[in-house]
Every structure is written in structure tokens, then in C-alpha cells.
Amino acid sequence: MSKQILSPLPGTFYSRPSPDQPAFKVVGDVIAVGDVIGLIEVMKSFHEVTADQAGTLVAFIAEDEEPVMAGQPLIELA
């Protein structure tokens, strides 16, 4: 059964800390509770998105730099 990590707030989703840095996580990575999986930008303020459940990253549901709503799925875990 797959699990999803949801956006805690509305804003823009970023999968990497900055454009010249690698992504926080990539497909196939093992995710532990508390791992940073991305950032949400709200009015020039960046908020870390941390995993609230563990699993293996199967897919990004939200694209990098995509606007997201609170409660919207960001990644899928197996």
C-alpha cells in the first residue's frame, strides 16, 4: 500500500535547497520520519517539509517549482 507526504501549507514546492544543489531526495531513496524532502516557499520565506512517515520514495507527485495547496500530495512512498 502506498503512502503520501502532503504539503503542510500552500506555496511553491522546491525539491532542492537551491538551483545549483542536488535534490533533497530522489526516487528510490529510503525516507525516515523527520527527513527533509523539500521546501515550501511562502512570500519569500522557505519552510522545510519533513517526512511524517517512513518508506521508499516511489515518485514525486508535485513537480519542482510547482505551486501547491495545503494538503496536496508531494511524494508517494512504498
Protein backbone atom coordinates (compact mmCIF):
# COMPACT_ATOMS: atom_id res chain seq x y z
CA MET A 1 0.00 0.00 0.00
CA SER A 2 1.41 3.37 -0.96
CA LYS A 3 1.62 6.38 1.34
CA GLN A 4 1.85 10.07 0.54
CA ILE A 5 3.54 13.02 2.21
CA LEU A 6 1.32 16.09 1.99
CA SER A 7 2.15 19.77 1.78
CA PRO A 8 1.76 21.39 5.22
CA LEU A 9 0.93 24.79 3.70
CA PRO A 10 0.22 26.50 0.37
CA GLY A 11 3.14 27.89 -1.61
CA THR A 12 5.75 26.83 -4.16
CA PHE A 13 7.36 23.38 -3.79
CA TYR A 14 11.12 23.01 -4.25
CA SER A 15 12.80 19.59 -4.27
CA ARG A 16 16.30 21.04 -3.78
CA PRO A 17 17.79 23.63 -1.39
CA SER A 18 18.91 25.87 -4.30
CA PRO A 19 19.04 25.59 -8.11
CA ASP A 20 22.72 24.51 -8.12
CA GLN A 21 22.29 21.89 -5.36
CA PRO A 22 21.16 18.26 -5.70
CA ALA A 23 17.64 17.28 -4.68
CA PHE A 24 16.95 16.50 -1.02
CA LYS A 25 15.69 13.05 -2.07
CA VAL A 26 15.46 11.10 -5.33
CA VAL A 27 13.28 8.19 -6.44
CA GLY A 28 14.50 5.02 -4.75
CA ASP A 29 15.77 6.76 -1.60
CA VAL A 30 14.69 5.39 1.77
CA ILE A 31 12.84 8.09 3.72
CA ALA A 32 12.84 8.15 7.52
CA VAL A 33 10.43 10.11 9.69
CA GLY A 34 11.88 13.60 10.10
CA ASP A 35 13.87 13.61 6.83
CA VAL A 36 13.65 16.84 4.84
CA ILE A 37 12.02 16.04 1.49
CA GLY A 38 11.68 19.58 0.12
CA LEU A 39 10.89 23.21 0.77
CA ILE A 40 7.72 25.27 0.51
CA GLU A 41 8.19 28.96 -0.26
CA VAL A 42 5.57 31.35 1.04
CA MET A 43 6.14 35.06 0.41
CA LYS A 44 9.96 34.70 0.14
CA SER A 45 10.10 32.58 3.32
CA PHE A 46 11.22 28.96 2.99
CA HIS A 47 9.78 26.20 5.19
CA GLU A 48 11.24 22.67 5.33
CA VAL A 49 8.86 19.82 4.58
CA THR A 50 9.74 16.83 6.73
CA ALA A 51 8.51 13.28 6.33
CA ASP A 52 5.80 12.26 8.80
CA GLN A 53 6.07 8.61 7.75
CA ALA A 54 8.80 6.27 6.56
CA GLY A 55 9.14 4.38 3.30
CA THR A 56 10.87 4.31 -0.06
CA LEU A 57 10.37 7.26 -2.43
CA VAL A 58 8.41 5.93 -5.40
CA ALA A 59 7.51 9.17 -7.19
CA PHE A 60 7.28 12.93 -6.90
CA ILE A 61 3.65 13.94 -7.31
CA ALA A 62 4.42 17.67 -7.20
CA GLU A 63 6.92 18.98 -9.74
CA ASP A 64 9.87 21.15 -8.70
CA GLU A 65 8.88 24.85 -8.53
CA GLU A 66 5.17 23.96 -8.81
CA PRO A 67 2.55 25.87 -6.82
CA VAL A 68 0.89 23.58 -4.27
CA MET A 69 -2.03 23.84 -1.87
CA ALA A 70 -2.08 22.79 1.78
CA GLY A 71 -2.87 19.08 1.95
CA GLN A 72 -1.78 18.42 -1.63
CA PRO A 73 0.34 15.23 -2.05
CA LEU A 74 4.03 15.97 -2.70
CA ILE A 75 5.60 12.50 -2.87
CA GLU A 76 4.49 8.88 -2.89
CA LEU A 77 6.12 6.28 -0.65
CA ALA A 78 6.02 2.50 -0.77
